[in-house]
Amino acid sequence: MNAKRGYVPEDDMNFSEASIKDMRSASRHLCYLINEGYDLKQVSTFVGNHFMFSERQRLALMRSVATKEQLKVRKEKEKNRVFGEEVWIDGFNIIITLEVMLSDSILFLCQDGTIRDLAALRGTYRIIPETEKAIEILLGTLEDLGAENIYILLDEPVSNSGRLKSLIAEIADNYKIPLDIQVLKAVDKELWGKENVITSDSIILDHCKSWFNLMDNCVKKQNIRPLQVWEWQKEIQKIS
């Protein structure tokens, strides 16, 4: 049975065509305020209350936007290829997003070009029917891109991290790629300062030396079009 990772029944209403239109309108207010120095979480509450958004809608907006400075820095650090290079992968972050994609749940195209979801990990994780396919897409895409040394880092405090490591290792036997899977207590901090990081985690993107947008490759290969809940603006066009 499909576990529909990252989906709740209310999403059909939360992200209807009419709701997306309202969210794009709200994103203008949100972006203006955060670029004026206001806290994103406080602003999302203020704007969300004004538009009477649900928690899911507010979370989608929060995950989709960034300040002009953040967008500029992230764009400057983005790599367009990883051929012949080592890559460092935020394992749960990427695999869960791939599971969401395979579950036909909602993905979002964010202002910084990343693909994000609404799946809340919060320390708990279980392997679902889509997990194996998600790992195959991850490894197959990296093989196609010609990455030479691949490090997949999994958070030790998250449940079933050991089982996921074993499953990745088992599936990796079918691919001709050098792979190192590590279960660590603090994956985020380990990725700070690394080159060719693969994640959509905003804090890691802001601290790593460079990053690669693997999920963009994956959704395009699967012919999936993520939702865009923010309004395209001229200043963002200049950065992109």
Protein backbone atom coordinates (compact mmCIF):
# COMPACT_ATOMS: atom_id res chain seq x y z
CA MET A 1 0.00 0.00 0.00
CA ASN A 2 1.27 3.46 -0.93
CA ALA A 3 2.11 5.34 2.25
CA LYS A 4 1.86 8.74 0.46
CA ARG A 5 4.92 10.23 2.09
CA GLY A 6 4.41 13.94 2.79
CA TYR A 7 0.68 14.01 2.02
CA VAL A 8 -2.39 14.90 4.06
CA PRO A 9 -5.95 14.88 2.62
CA GLU A 10 -6.34 18.62 3.23
CA ASP A 11 -3.60 19.30 0.67
CA ASP A 12 -6.13 19.03 -2.14
CA MET A 13 -7.79 22.15 -0.75
CA ASN A 14 -4.65 23.80 0.64
CA PHE A 15 -2.98 23.80 -2.75
CA SER A 16 -5.89 24.15 -5.14
CA GLU A 17 -5.55 26.56 -8.05
CA ALA A 18 -7.34 29.30 -6.11
CA SER A 19 -5.20 28.72 -3.01
CA ILE A 20 -1.98 28.90 -5.02
CA LYS A 21 -3.09 32.24 -6.43
CA ASP A 22 -3.59 33.60 -2.90
CA MET A 23 -0.25 32.20 -1.76
CA ARG A 24 1.60 33.88 -4.61
CA SER A 25 -0.02 37.16 -3.65
CA ALA A 26 0.98 36.62 -0.02
CA SER A 27 4.55 35.79 -1.05
CA ARG A 28 5.04 39.40 -2.22
CA HIS A 29 4.30 40.65 1.31
CA LEU A 30 6.45 37.91 2.83
CA CYS A 31 9.46 38.62 0.61
CA TYR A 32 9.24 42.37 1.15
CA LEU A 33 9.22 42.00 4.92
CA ILE A 34 12.05 39.47 5.20
CA ASN A 35 14.18 41.62 2.90
CA GLU A 36 13.55 44.48 5.31
CA GLY A 37 15.06 42.37 8.07
CA TYR A 38 12.00 40.87 9.72
CA ASP A 39 12.11 37.30 11.04
CA LEU A 40 10.71 34.76 8.58
CA LYS A 41 8.74 32.77 11.15
CA GLN A 42 7.13 35.87 12.66
CA VAL A 43 6.34 37.27 9.22
CA SER A 44 4.77 33.99 8.08
CA THR A 45 2.50 34.11 11.12
CA PHE A 46 1.52 37.72 10.43
CA VAL A 47 0.92 37.24 6.70
CA GLY A 48 -0.64 33.80 7.24
CA ASN A 49 -3.15 35.24 9.69
CA HIS A 50 -4.06 38.01 7.25
CA PHE A 51 -4.74 35.51 4.45
CA MET A 52 -6.18 32.92 6.86
CA PHE A 53 -3.75 30.26 5.65
CA SER A 54 -3.49 26.78 7.15
CA GLU A 55 -0.30 25.61 8.85
CA ARG A 56 0.59 23.61 5.74
CA GLN A 57 0.26 26.66 3.53
CA ARG A 58 2.39 28.76 5.87
CA LEU A 59 5.04 26.05 5.99
CA ALA A 60 5.06 25.83 2.18
CA LEU A 61 5.64 29.58 1.92
CA MET A 62 8.33 29.55 4.59
CA ARG A 63 10.20 26.76 2.82
CA SER A 64 9.82 28.39 -0.59
CA VAL A 65 11.20 31.89 -0.02
CA ALA A 66 14.52 33.44 0.96
CA THR A 67 16.02 36.91 1.18
CA LYS A 68 17.76 38.51 -1.81
CA GLU A 69 21.10 38.08 -0.06
CA GLN A 70 20.47 34.38 0.62
CA LEU A 71 19.45 33.85 -3.00
CA LYS A 72 22.57 35.65 -4.24
CA VAL A 73 24.92 33.63 -2.02
CA ARG A 74 23.27 30.30 -2.81
CA LYS A 75 23.35 31.01 -6.54
CA GLU A 76 27.04 31.89 -6.41
CA LYS A 77 27.82 28.60 -4.61
CA GLU A 78 25.72 26.36 -6.89
CA LYS A 79 27.70 23.96 -9.09
CA ASN A 80 26.39 22.95 -12.52
CA ARG A 81 28.22 19.63 -12.71
CA VAL A 82 29.85 17.04 -10.44
CA PHE A 83 31.60 14.90 -13.06
CA GLY A 84 34.77 13.41 -11.62
CA GLU A 85 34.20 14.98 -8.20
CA GLU A 86 33.19 13.77 -4.77
CA VAL A 87 29.73 14.64 -3.46
CA TRP A 88 28.34 14.84 0.07
CA ILE A 89 24.68 13.89 0.45
CA ASP A 90 22.26 14.82 3.21
CA GLY A 91 20.79 11.32 3.10
CA PHE A 92 17.42 11.63 4.82
CA ASN A 93 16.78 15.01 3.23
CA ILE A 94 17.18 13.76 -0.32
CA ILE A 95 15.72 10.27 0.06
CA ILE A 96 12.57 11.56 1.75
CA THR A 97 12.04 14.14 -1.01
CA LEU A 98 12.40 11.37 -3.58
CA GLU A 99 9.89 9.26 -1.64
CA VAL A 100 7.47 12.21 -1.67
CA MET A 101 7.95 12.50 -5.43
CA LEU A 102 7.26 8.78 -5.95
CA SER A 103 4.21 8.98 -3.66
CA ASP A 104 2.66 11.65 -5.93
CA SER A 105 2.66 14.05 -3.00
CA ILE A 106 3.36 17.75 -3.28
CA LEU A 107 6.77 19.13 -4.13
CA PHE A 108 7.62 22.82 -4.28
CA LEU A 109 9.93 24.73 -6.59
CA CYS A 110 11.58 27.25 -4.28
CA GLN A 111 13.11 30.64 -5.02
CA ASP A 112 16.66 29.30 -4.66
CA GLY A 113 15.94 26.60 -7.26
CA THR A 114 15.75 23.73 -4.77
CA ILE A 115 12.89 21.26 -4.61
CA ARG A 116 11.33 20.91 -1.15
CA ASP A 117 8.44 19.01 0.43
CA LEU A 118 6.24 19.14 3.52
CA ALA A 119 7.21 15.79 5.00
CA ALA A 120 8.03 16.31 8.67
CA LEU A 121 10.79 13.96 9.88
CA ARG A 122 11.03 15.03 13.54
CA GLY A 123 13.29 12.14 14.48
CA THR A 124 11.05 9.37 13.16
CA TYR A 125 11.47 7.55 9.89
CA ARG A 126 10.31 4.24 8.50
CA ILE A 127 11.07 2.53 5.23
CA ILE A 128 8.10 2.54 2.84
CA PRO A 129 7.48 0.79 -0.51
CA GLU A 130 8.86 3.84 -2.37
CA THR A 131 12.18 3.85 -0.50
CA GLU A 132 13.92 1.29 -2.69
CA LYS A 133 12.98 3.12 -5.89
CA ALA A 134 14.05 6.43 -4.32
CA ILE A 135 17.52 5.01 -3.60
CA GLU A 136 17.74 3.62 -7.15
CA ILE A 137 16.93 7.05 -8.60
CA LEU A 138 19.50 8.69 -6.34
CA LEU A 139 22.31 6.28 -7.19
CA GLY A 140 21.38 6.03 -10.87
CA THR A 141 21.37 9.81 -11.27
CA LEU A 142 24.76 10.13 -9.56
CA GLU A 143 26.16 7.39 -11.79
CA ASP A 144 24.86 9.19 -14.89
CA LEU A 145 26.39 12.47 -13.71
CA GLY A 146 29.77 10.84 -13.27
CA ALA A 147 30.34 11.58 -9.59
CA GLU A 148 33.47 9.71 -8.47
CA ASN A 149 33.27 9.51 -4.68
CA ILE A 150 29.87 9.55 -3.03
CA TYR A 151 29.31 10.08 0.68
CA ILE A 152 25.79 9.55 2.01
CA LEU A 153 25.37 10.82 5.55
CA LEU A 154 22.47 9.64 7.73
CA ASP A 155 21.41 11.09 11.08
CA GLU A 156 22.02 8.59 13.87
CA PRO A 157 19.25 10.00 16.17
CA VAL A 158 16.63 9.32 13.50
CA SER A 159 14.85 5.98 13.84
CA ASN A 160 15.74 3.24 11.33
CA SER A 161 18.91 5.02 10.16
CA GLY A 162 20.78 1.71 10.44
CA ARG A 163 18.17 -0.14 8.38
CA LEU A 164 18.27 2.55 5.72
CA LYS A 165 22.06 2.33 5.58
CA SER A 166 21.83 -1.43 5.02
CA LEU A 167 19.23 -0.99 2.27
CA ILE A 168 21.33 1.63 0.48
CA ALA A 169 24.39 -0.63 0.65
CA GLU A 170 22.41 -3.57 -0.72
CA ILE A 171 21.05 -1.59 -3.67
CA ALA A 172 24.45 0.03 -4.32
CA ASP A 173 25.83 -3.39 -5.33
CA ASN A 174 24.01 -2.88 -8.65
CA TYR A 175 25.87 0.36 -9.42
CA LYS A 176 29.47 1.01 -10.37
CA ILE A 177 30.03 3.93 -8.04
CA PRO A 178 32.36 4.31 -5.04
CA LEU A 179 30.04 4.79 -2.08
CA ASP A 180 30.62 5.55 1.59
CA ILE A 181 27.53 5.50 3.84
CA GLN A 182 27.99 7.03 7.28
CA VAL A 183 25.61 7.28 10.24
CA LEU A 184 26.53 10.38 12.22
CA LYS A 185 25.19 12.26 15.22
CA ALA A 186 25.34 15.69 13.55
CA VAL A 187 25.03 15.46 9.76
CA ASP A 188 24.25 19.18 9.35
CA LYS A 189 27.50 20.31 10.94
CA GLU A 190 29.48 17.67 9.06
CA LEU A 191 28.24 19.17 5.78
CA TRP A 192 29.16 22.73 6.75
CA GLY A 193 32.25 23.71 4.82
CA LYS A 194 32.00 20.80 2.34
CA GLU A 195 32.11 21.09 -1.45
CA ASN A 196 29.41 19.60 -3.72
CA VAL A 197 26.82 19.17 -1.00
CA ILE A 198 23.47 17.69 -2.04
CA THR A 199 20.61 18.91 0.14
CA SER A 200 17.69 21.34 0.23
CA ASP A 201 18.30 22.28 3.87
CA SER A 202 18.56 26.09 3.97
CA ILE A 203 21.02 26.23 6.85
CA ILE A 204 23.38 23.77 5.16
CA LEU A 205 23.13 25.66 1.85
CA ASP A 206 24.11 28.86 3.64
CA HIS A 207 27.15 27.26 5.32
CA CYS A 208 28.56 24.82 2.75
CA LYS A 209 31.28 25.82 0.27
CA SER A 210 29.30 24.66 -2.76
CA TRP A 211 26.20 22.62 -3.58
CA PHE A 212 24.64 20.73 -6.46
CA ASN A 213 20.91 20.67 -7.27
CA LEU A 214 20.41 16.93 -7.72
CA MET A 215 16.64 17.01 -7.12
CA ASP A 216 16.18 19.32 -10.09
CA ASN A 217 17.73 16.61 -12.26
CA CYS A 218 15.52 13.95 -10.70
CA VAL A 219 12.16 15.72 -11.11
CA LYS A 220 12.95 16.61 -14.71
CA LYS A 221 13.80 12.98 -15.51
CA GLN A 222 10.50 11.90 -13.97
CA ASN A 223 8.61 14.66 -15.87
CA ILE A 224 7.28 16.10 -12.61
CA ARG A 225 6.41 19.76 -12.28
CA PRO A 226 6.62 21.01 -8.68
CA LEU A 227 4.23 23.67 -7.42
CA GLN A 228 5.38 27.28 -7.26
CA VAL A 229 3.69 29.13 -4.41
CA TRP A 230 5.72 32.34 -4.71
CA GLU A 231 5.39 35.07 -7.29
CA TRP A 232 8.18 35.55 -9.79
CA GLN A 233 9.85 38.92 -9.29
CA LYS A 234 12.27 40.95 -11.37
CA GLU A 235 14.92 41.05 -8.68
CA ILE A 236 14.86 37.25 -8.48
CA GLN A 237 15.15 36.98 -12.26
CA LYS A 238 18.36 39.01 -12.12
CA ILE A 239 19.85 36.61 -9.55
CA SER A 240 18.82 33.50 -11.48
